[in-house]
Amino acid sequence: METYKTNGVCSREIKFKSEGGKLISVDFIGGCPGNLLGIKTLVEGMEVNEIIEKFKDVKCGAKSTSCPAQLSKALSEKNL
């Protein structure tokens, strides 16, 4: 399980695991529970590269990033 400390969002960190190029599990610590559970449900089982591409430019209101964008960054930086 990898851990990524988020920046600029409500969630404090993201814990995730990938295998064979797919995201197996993801948990957001802190943040908006319903929205993050929805993201978790959508992305588990998806190809890592697809998640990175779809979420990399998502913004949260006036913020320059979002929890989905932070997940994309985490996956990119961990070279999964």
PDB file of N, CA and C in Angstrom:
ATOM      1  N   MET A   1       0.849  -1.176   0.000  1.00  0.00           N
ATOM      2  CA  MET A   1       0.000   0.000   0.000  1.00  0.00           C
ATOM      3  C   MET A   1       0.889   1.232   0.000  1.00  0.00           C
ATOM      4  N   GLU A   2       0.635   2.120  -0.940  1.00  0.00           N
ATOM      5  CA  GLU A   2       1.359   3.384  -1.048  1.00  0.00           C
ATOM      6  C   GLU A   2       0.588   4.468  -0.294  1.00  0.00           C
ATOM      7  N   THR A   3       1.305   5.464   0.210  1.00  0.00           N
ATOM      8  CA  THR A   3       0.675   6.601   0.870  1.00  0.00           C
ATOM      9  C   THR A   3       1.169   7.879   0.226  1.00  0.00           C
ATOM     10  N   TYR A   4       0.241   8.772  -0.086  1.00  0.00           N
ATOM     11  CA  TYR A   4       0.571  10.053  -0.702  1.00  0.00           C
ATOM     12  C   TYR A   4      -0.035  11.167   0.141  1.00  0.00           C
ATOM     13  N   LYS A   5       0.791  12.117   0.568  1.00  0.00           N
ATOM     14  CA  LYS A   5       0.325  13.288   1.315  1.00  0.00           C
ATOM     15  C   LYS A   5      -0.189  14.318   0.320  1.00  0.00           C
ATOM     16  N   THR A   6      -1.454  14.670   0.439  1.00  0.00           N
ATOM     17  CA  THR A   6      -2.067  15.612  -0.502  1.00  0.00           C
ATOM     18  C   THR A   6      -1.663  17.048  -0.195  1.00  0.00           C
ATOM     19  N   ASN A   7      -1.926  17.924  -1.152  1.00  0.00           N
ATOM     20  CA  ASN A   7      -1.595  19.337  -1.015  1.00  0.00           C
ATOM     21  C   ASN A   7      -2.718  20.172  -1.625  1.00  0.00           C
ATOM     22  N   GLY A   8      -3.258  21.119  -0.856  1.00  0.00           N
ATOM     23  CA  GLY A   8      -4.238  22.055  -1.383  1.00  0.00           C
ATOM     24  C   GLY A   8      -5.671  21.547  -1.427  1.00  0.00           C
ATOM     25  N   VAL A   9      -5.952  20.431  -0.760  1.00  0.00           N
ATOM     26  CA  VAL A   9      -7.305  19.865  -0.744  1.00  0.00           C
ATOM     27  C   VAL A   9      -7.703  19.500   0.689  1.00  0.00           C
ATOM     28  N   CYS A  10      -8.957  19.144   0.864  1.00  0.00           N
ATOM     29  CA  CYS A  10      -9.468  18.815   2.201  1.00  0.00           C
ATOM     30  C   CYS A  10      -8.942  17.477   2.718  1.00  0.00           C
ATOM     31  N   SER A  11      -8.784  16.504   1.841  1.00  0.00           N
ATOM     32  CA  SER A  11      -8.236  15.221   2.306  1.00  0.00           C
ATOM     33  C   SER A  11      -6.759  15.402   2.645  1.00  0.00           C
ATOM     34  N   ARG A  12      -6.306  14.666   3.670  1.00  0.00           N
ATOM     35  CA  ARG A  12      -4.916  14.802   4.135  1.00  0.00           C
ATOM     36  C   ARG A  12      -3.964  13.865   3.409  1.00  0.00           C
ATOM     37  N   GLU A  13      -4.454  12.694   3.051  1.00  0.00           N
ATOM     38  CA  GLU A  13      -3.604  11.740   2.345  1.00  0.00           C
ATOM     39  C   GLU A  13      -4.459  10.733   1.588  1.00  0.00           C
ATOM     40  N   ILE A  14      -3.794  10.035   0.676  1.00  0.00           N
ATOM     41  CA  ILE A  14      -4.434   9.005  -0.122  1.00  0.00           C
ATOM     42  C   ILE A  14      -3.611   7.731   0.038  1.00  0.00           C
ATOM     43  N   LYS A  15      -4.266   6.634   0.358  1.00  0.00           N
ATOM     44  CA  LYS A  15      -3.614   5.331   0.433  1.00  0.00           C
ATOM     45  C   LYS A  15      -4.137   4.511  -0.738  1.00  0.00           C
ATOM     46  N   PHE A  16      -3.233   3.883  -1.467  1.00  0.00           N
ATOM     47  CA  PHE A  16      -3.673   3.149  -2.651  1.00  0.00           C
ATOM     48  C   PHE A  16      -2.749   1.982  -2.961  1.00  0.00           C
ATOM     49  N   LYS A  17      -3.282   1.070  -3.753  1.00  0.00           N
ATOM     50  CA  LYS A  17      -2.509  -0.094  -4.195  1.00  0.00           C
ATOM     51  C   LYS A  17      -2.875  -0.365  -5.644  1.00  0.00           C
ATOM     52  N   SER A  18      -1.850  -0.656  -6.434  1.00  0.00           N
ATOM     53  CA  SER A  18      -2.087  -1.030  -7.830  1.00  0.00           C
ATOM     54  C   SER A  18      -1.383  -2.345  -8.119  1.00  0.00           C
ATOM     55  N   GLU A  19      -1.890  -2.984  -9.157  1.00  0.00           N
ATOM     56  CA  GLU A  19      -1.330  -4.270  -9.556  1.00  0.00           C
ATOM     57  C   GLU A  19      -1.598  -4.453 -11.047  1.00  0.00           C
ATOM     58  N   GLY A  20      -0.578  -4.803 -11.783  1.00  0.00           N
ATOM     59  CA  GLY A  20      -0.758  -5.044 -13.213  1.00  0.00           C
ATOM     60  C   GLY A  20      -1.308  -3.855 -13.979  1.00  0.00           C
ATOM     61  N   GLY A  21      -0.953  -2.642 -13.550  1.00  0.00           N
ATOM     62  CA  GLY A  21      -1.408  -1.442 -14.241  1.00  0.00           C
ATOM     63  C   GLY A  21      -2.814  -1.001 -13.871  1.00  0.00           C
ATOM     64  N   LYS A  22      -3.438  -1.685 -12.914  1.00  0.00           N
ATOM     65  CA  LYS A  22      -4.786  -1.323 -12.471  1.00  0.00           C
ATOM     66  C   LYS A  22      -4.760  -0.894 -11.010  1.00  0.00           C
ATOM     67  N   LEU A  23      -5.644   0.033 -10.683  1.00  0.00           N
ATOM     68  CA  LEU A  23      -5.783   0.466  -9.299  1.00  0.00           C
ATOM     69  C   LEU A  23      -6.664  -0.554  -8.582  1.00  0.00           C
ATOM     70  N   ILE A  24      -6.101  -1.203  -7.573  1.00  0.00           N
ATOM     71  CA  ILE A  24      -6.808  -2.260  -6.847  1.00  0.00           C
ATOM     72  C   ILE A  24      -7.636  -1.676  -5.711  1.00  0.00           C
ATOM     73  N   SER A  25      -7.049  -0.737  -4.968  1.00  0.00           N
ATOM     74  CA  SER A  25      -7.779  -0.112  -3.863  1.00  0.00           C
ATOM     75  C   SER A  25      -7.281   1.310  -3.648  1.00  0.00           C
ATOM     76  N   VAL A  26      -8.191   2.149  -3.133  1.00  0.00           N
ATOM     77  CA  VAL A  26      -7.843   3.532  -2.814  1.00  0.00           C
ATOM     78  C   VAL A  26      -8.700   3.991  -1.642  1.00  0.00           C
ATOM     79  N   ASP A  27      -8.076   4.710  -0.719  1.00  0.00           N
ATOM     80  CA  ASP A  27      -8.779   5.290   0.416  1.00  0.00           C
ATOM     81  C   ASP A  27      -8.266   6.707   0.626  1.00  0.00           C
ATOM     82  N   PHE A  28      -9.193   7.646   0.748  1.00  0.00           N
ATOM     83  CA  PHE A  28      -8.871   9.034   1.031  1.00  0.00           C
ATOM     84  C   PHE A  28      -9.040   9.253   2.520  1.00  0.00           C
ATOM     85  N   ILE A  29      -8.053   9.876   3.158  1.00  0.00           N
ATOM     86  CA  ILE A  29      -8.116  10.188   4.580  1.00  0.00           C
ATOM     87  C   ILE A  29      -8.512  11.653   4.714  1.00  0.00           C
ATOM     88  N   GLY A  30      -9.667  11.910   5.342  1.00  0.00           N
ATOM     89  CA  GLY A  30     -10.206  13.256   5.423  1.00  0.00           C
ATOM     90  C   GLY A  30     -10.971  13.593   4.156  1.00  0.00           C
ATOM     91  N   GLY A  31     -11.468  14.798   4.083  1.00  0.00           N
ATOM     92  CA  GLY A  31     -12.190  15.237   2.897  1.00  0.00           C
ATOM     93  C   GLY A  31     -13.680  14.964   2.974  1.00  0.00           C
ATOM     94  N   CYS A  32     -14.357  15.068   1.856  1.00  0.00           N
ATOM     95  CA  CYS A  32     -15.812  14.904   1.755  1.00  0.00           C
ATOM     96  C   CYS A  32     -16.155  13.420   1.576  1.00  0.00           C
ATOM     97  N   PRO A  33     -16.652  12.773   2.612  1.00  0.00           N
ATOM     98  CA  PRO A  33     -16.837  11.324   2.574  1.00  0.00           C
ATOM     99  C   PRO A  33     -17.661  10.803   1.397  1.00  0.00           C
ATOM    100  N   GLY A  34     -18.796  11.406   1.117  1.00  0.00           N
ATOM    101  CA  GLY A  34     -19.644  10.905   0.034  1.00  0.00           C
ATOM    102  C   GLY A  34     -18.983  11.015  -1.324  1.00  0.00           C
ATOM    103  N   ASN A  35     -18.404  12.173  -1.607  1.00  0.00           N
ATOM    104  CA  ASN A  35     -17.742  12.364  -2.900  1.00  0.00           C
ATOM    105  C   ASN A  35     -16.551  11.425  -3.060  1.00  0.00           C
ATOM    106  N   LEU A  36     -15.779  11.278  -2.000  1.00  0.00           N
ATOM    107  CA  LEU A  36     -14.580  10.443  -2.102  1.00  0.00           C
ATOM    108  C   LEU A  36     -14.929   8.969  -2.165  1.00  0.00           C
ATOM    109  N   LEU A  37     -16.018   8.558  -1.535  1.00  0.00           N
ATOM    110  CA  LEU A  37     -16.483   7.182  -1.669  1.00  0.00           C
ATOM    111  C   LEU A  37     -16.948   6.931  -3.098  1.00  0.00           C
ATOM    112  N   GLY A  38     -17.580   7.942  -3.693  1.00  0.00           N
ATOM    113  CA  GLY A  38     -17.982   7.834  -5.093  1.00  0.00           C
ATOM    114  C   GLY A  38     -16.782   7.680  -6.013  1.00  0.00           C
ATOM    115  N   ILE A  39     -15.743   8.474  -5.794  1.00  0.00           N
ATOM    116  CA  ILE A  39     -14.521   8.368  -6.602  1.00  0.00           C
ATOM    117  C   ILE A  39     -13.912   6.985  -6.425  1.00  0.00           C
ATOM    118  N   LYS A  40     -13.812   6.528  -5.183  1.00  0.00           N
ATOM    119  CA  LYS A  40     -13.263   5.206  -4.881  1.00  0.00           C
ATOM    120  C   LYS A  40     -14.009   4.128  -5.669  1.00  0.00           C
ATOM    121  N   THR A  41     -15.330   4.182  -5.629  1.00  0.00           N
ATOM    122  CA  THR A  41     -16.161   3.191  -6.309  1.00  0.00           C
ATOM    123  C   THR A  41     -15.924   3.209  -7.818  1.00  0.00           C
ATOM    124  N   LEU A  42     -15.754   4.405  -8.369  1.00  0.00           N
ATOM    125  CA  LEU A  42     -15.540   4.530  -9.811  1.00  0.00           C
ATOM    126  C   LEU A  42     -14.162   4.042 -10.260  1.00  0.00           C
ATOM    127  N   VAL A  43     -13.118   4.338  -9.486  1.00  0.00           N
ATOM    128  CA  VAL A  43     -11.762   4.095  -9.984  1.00  0.00           C
ATOM    129  C   VAL A  43     -11.172   2.722  -9.633  1.00  0.00           C
ATOM    130  N   GLU A  44     -11.653   2.092  -8.599  1.00  0.00           N
ATOM    131  CA  GLU A  44     -11.082   0.777  -8.267  1.00  0.00           C
ATOM    132  C   GLU A  44     -11.352  -0.188  -9.417  1.00  0.00           C
ATOM    133  N   GLY A  45     -10.300  -0.797  -9.901  1.00  0.00           N
ATOM    134  CA  GLY A  45     -10.383  -1.700 -11.047  1.00  0.00           C
ATOM    135  C   GLY A  45     -10.047  -1.048 -12.377  1.00  0.00           C
ATOM    136  N   MET A  46      -9.931   0.287 -12.393  1.00  0.00           N
ATOM    137  CA  MET A  46      -9.587   1.003 -13.629  1.00  0.00           C
ATOM    138  C   MET A  46      -8.091   0.951 -13.901  1.00  0.00           C
ATOM    139  N   GLU A  47      -7.740   1.158 -15.159  1.00  0.00           N
ATOM    140  CA  GLU A  47      -6.342   1.277 -15.556  1.00  0.00           C
ATOM    141  C   GLU A  47      -5.770   2.560 -14.953  1.00  0.00           C
ATOM    142  N   VAL A  48      -4.581   2.466 -14.377  1.00  0.00           N
ATOM    143  CA  VAL A  48      -3.930   3.618 -13.743  1.00  0.00           C
ATOM    144  C   VAL A  48      -3.765   4.762 -14.737  1.00  0.00           C
ATOM    145  N   ASN A  49      -3.321   4.471 -15.938  1.00  0.00           N
ATOM    146  CA  ASN A  49      -3.100   5.532 -16.935  1.00  0.00           C
ATOM    147  C   ASN A  49      -4.388   6.255 -17.293  1.00  0.00           C
ATOM    148  N   GLU A  50      -5.505   5.550 -17.299  1.00  0.00           N
ATOM    149  CA  GLU A  50      -6.795   6.172 -17.596  1.00  0.00           C
ATOM    150  C   GLU A  50      -7.207   7.118 -16.464  1.00  0.00           C
ATOM    151  N   ILE A  51      -6.976   6.711 -15.225  1.00  0.00           N
ATOM    152  CA  ILE A  51      -7.280   7.558 -14.075  1.00  0.00           C
ATOM    153  C   ILE A  51      -6.435   8.828 -14.122  1.00  0.00           C
ATOM    154  N   ILE A  52      -5.145   8.664 -14.379  1.00  0.00           N
ATOM    155  CA  ILE A  52      -4.238   9.811 -14.455  1.00  0.00           C
ATOM    156  C   ILE A  52      -4.734  10.801 -15.501  1.00  0.00           C
ATOM    157  N   GLU A  53      -5.057  10.316 -16.672  1.00  0.00           N
ATOM    158  CA  GLU A  53      -5.475  11.182 -17.773  1.00  0.00           C
ATOM    159  C   GLU A  53      -6.811  11.874 -17.491  1.00  0.00           C
ATOM    160  N   LYS A  54      -7.775  11.147 -16.947  1.00  0.00           N
ATOM    161  CA  LYS A  54      -9.102  11.715 -16.713  1.00  0.00           C
ATOM    162  C   LYS A  54      -9.129  12.728 -15.575  1.00  0.00           C
ATOM    163  N   PHE A  55      -8.324  12.531 -14.541  1.00  0.00           N
ATOM    164  CA  PHE A  55      -8.422  13.342 -13.335  1.00  0.00           C
ATOM    165  C   PHE A  55      -7.373  14.431 -13.197  1.00  0.00           C
ATOM    166  N   LYS A  56      -6.363  14.459 -14.061  1.00  0.00           N
ATOM    167  CA  LYS A  56      -5.224  15.353 -13.849  1.00  0.00           C
ATOM    168  C   LYS A  56      -5.580  16.831 -13.823  1.00  0.00           C
ATOM    169  N   ASP A  57      -6.602  17.259 -14.540  1.00  0.00           N
ATOM    170  CA  ASP A  57      -6.935  18.680 -14.627  1.00  0.00           C
ATOM    171  C   ASP A  57      -8.220  19.058 -13.886  1.00  0.00           C
ATOM    172  N   VAL A  58      -8.741  18.168 -13.052  1.00  0.00           N
ATOM    173  CA  VAL A  58      -9.978  18.456 -12.312  1.00  0.00           C
ATOM    174  C   VAL A  58      -9.686  19.471 -11.206  1.00  0.00           C
ATOM    175  N   LYS A  59     -10.514  20.496 -11.131  1.00  0.00           N
ATOM    176  CA  LYS A  59     -10.367  21.535 -10.104  1.00  0.00           C
ATOM    177  C   LYS A  59     -11.523  21.439  -9.122  1.00  0.00           C
ATOM    178  N   CYS A  60     -11.321  21.908  -7.905  1.00  0.00           N
ATOM    179  CA  CYS A  60     -12.360  21.960  -6.877  1.00  0.00           C
ATOM    180  C   CYS A  60     -12.660  23.425  -6.587  1.00  0.00           C
ATOM    181  N   GLY A  61     -13.759  23.921  -7.137  1.00  0.00           N
ATOM    182  CA  GLY A  61     -14.102  25.329  -6.952  1.00  0.00           C
ATOM    183  C   GLY A  61     -12.991  26.231  -7.470  1.00  0.00           C
ATOM    184  N   ALA A  62     -12.562  27.171  -6.626  1.00  0.00           N
ATOM    185  CA  ALA A  62     -11.516  28.119  -7.012  1.00  0.00           C
ATOM    186  C   ALA A  62     -10.106  27.570  -6.779  1.00  0.00           C
ATOM    187  N   LYS A  63     -10.009  26.386  -6.207  1.00  0.00           N
ATOM    188  CA  LYS A  63      -8.694  25.786  -5.943  1.00  0.00           C
ATOM    189  C   LYS A  63      -8.037  25.363  -7.260  1.00  0.00           C
ATOM    190  N   SER A  64      -6.729  25.285  -7.252  1.00  0.00           N
ATOM    191  CA  SER A  64      -6.002  24.896  -8.463  1.00  0.00           C
ATOM    192  C   SER A  64      -5.899  23.381  -8.600  1.00  0.00           C
ATOM    193  N   THR A  65      -6.446  22.640  -7.644  1.00  0.00           N
ATOM    194  CA  THR A  65      -6.382  21.179  -7.670  1.00  0.00           C
ATOM    195  C   THR A  65      -7.666  20.630  -7.052  1.00  0.00           C
ATOM    196  N   SER A  66      -7.719  19.318  -6.878  1.00  0.00           N
ATOM    197  CA  SER A  66      -8.869  18.647  -6.285  1.00  0.00           C
ATOM    198  C   SER A  66      -8.407  17.289  -5.770  1.00  0.00           C
ATOM    199  N   CYS A  67      -9.272  16.612  -5.052  1.00  0.00           N
ATOM    200  CA  CYS A  67      -8.911  15.262  -4.591  1.00  0.00           C
ATOM    201  C   CYS A  67      -8.673  14.316  -5.775  1.00  0.00           C
ATOM    202  N   PRO A  68      -9.528  14.336  -6.821  1.00  0.00           N
ATOM    203  CA  PRO A  68      -9.230  13.495  -7.981  1.00  0.00           C
ATOM    204  C   PRO A  68      -7.891  13.855  -8.641  1.00  0.00           C
ATOM    205  N   ALA A  69      -7.603  15.159  -8.755  1.00  0.00           N
ATOM    206  CA  ALA A  69      -6.329  15.586  -9.345  1.00  0.00           C
ATOM    207  C   ALA A  69      -5.154  15.138  -8.480  1.00  0.00           C
ATOM    208  N   GLN A  70      -5.333  15.161  -7.162  1.00  0.00           N
ATOM    209  CA  GLN A  70      -4.271  14.695  -6.268  1.00  0.00           C
ATOM    210  C   GLN A  70      -4.055  13.190  -6.423  1.00  0.00           C
ATOM    211  N   LEU A  71      -5.120  12.441  -6.656  1.00  0.00           N
ATOM    212  CA  LEU A  71      -4.976  11.002  -6.922  1.00  0.00           C
ATOM    213  C   LEU A  71      -4.192  10.799  -8.209  1.00  0.00           C
ATOM    214  N   SER A  72      -4.515  11.567  -9.237  1.00  0.00           N
ATOM    215  CA  SER A  72      -3.783  11.494 -10.499  1.00  0.00           C
ATOM    216  C   SER A  72      -2.300  11.786 -10.286  1.00  0.00           C
ATOM    217  N   LYS A  73      -2.011  12.816  -9.519  1.00  0.00           N
ATOM    218  CA  LYS A  73      -0.617  13.186  -9.230  1.00  0.00           C
ATOM    219  C   LYS A  73       0.087  12.082  -8.443  1.00  0.00           C
ATOM    220  N   ALA A  74      -0.596  11.522  -7.460  1.00  0.00           N
ATOM    221  CA  ALA A  74      -0.021  10.438  -6.661  1.00  0.00           C
ATOM    222  C   ALA A  74       0.347   9.247  -7.532  1.00  0.00           C
ATOM    223  N   LEU A  75      -0.565   8.865  -8.408  1.00  0.00           N
ATOM    224  CA  LEU A  75      -0.316   7.724  -9.298  1.00  0.00           C
ATOM    225  C   LEU A  75       0.816   8.023 -10.271  1.00  0.00           C
ATOM    226  N   SER A  76       0.879   9.250 -10.776  1.00  0.00           N
ATOM    227  CA  SER A  76       1.954   9.652 -11.691  1.00  0.00           C
ATOM    228  C   SER A  76       3.311   9.627 -10.991  1.00  0.00           C
ATOM    229  N   GLU A  77       3.366  10.181  -9.793  1.00  0.00           N
ATOM    230  CA  GLU A  77       4.641  10.256  -9.067  1.00  0.00           C
ATOM    231  C   GLU A  77       5.138   8.900  -8.593  1.00  0.00           C
ATOM    232  N   LYS A  78       4.245   7.982  -8.345  1.00  0.00           N
ATOM    233  CA  LYS A  78       4.638   6.642  -7.888  1.00  0.00           C
ATOM    234  C   LYS A  78       4.977   5.742  -9.079  1.00  0.00           C
ATOM    235  N   ASN A  79       4.845   6.289 -10.304  1.00  0.00           N
ATOM    236  CA  ASN A  79       5.195   5.548 -11.532  1.00  0.00           C
ATOM    237  C   ASN A  79       4.528   4.196 -11.597  1.00  0.00           C
ATOM    238  N   LEU A  80       3.222   4.192 -11.377  1.00  0.00           N
ATOM    239  CA  LEU A  80       2.472   2.943 -11.425  1.00  0.00           C
ATOM    240  C   LEU A  80       1.933   2.768 -12.808  1.00  0.00           C
TER     241      LEU A  80
END
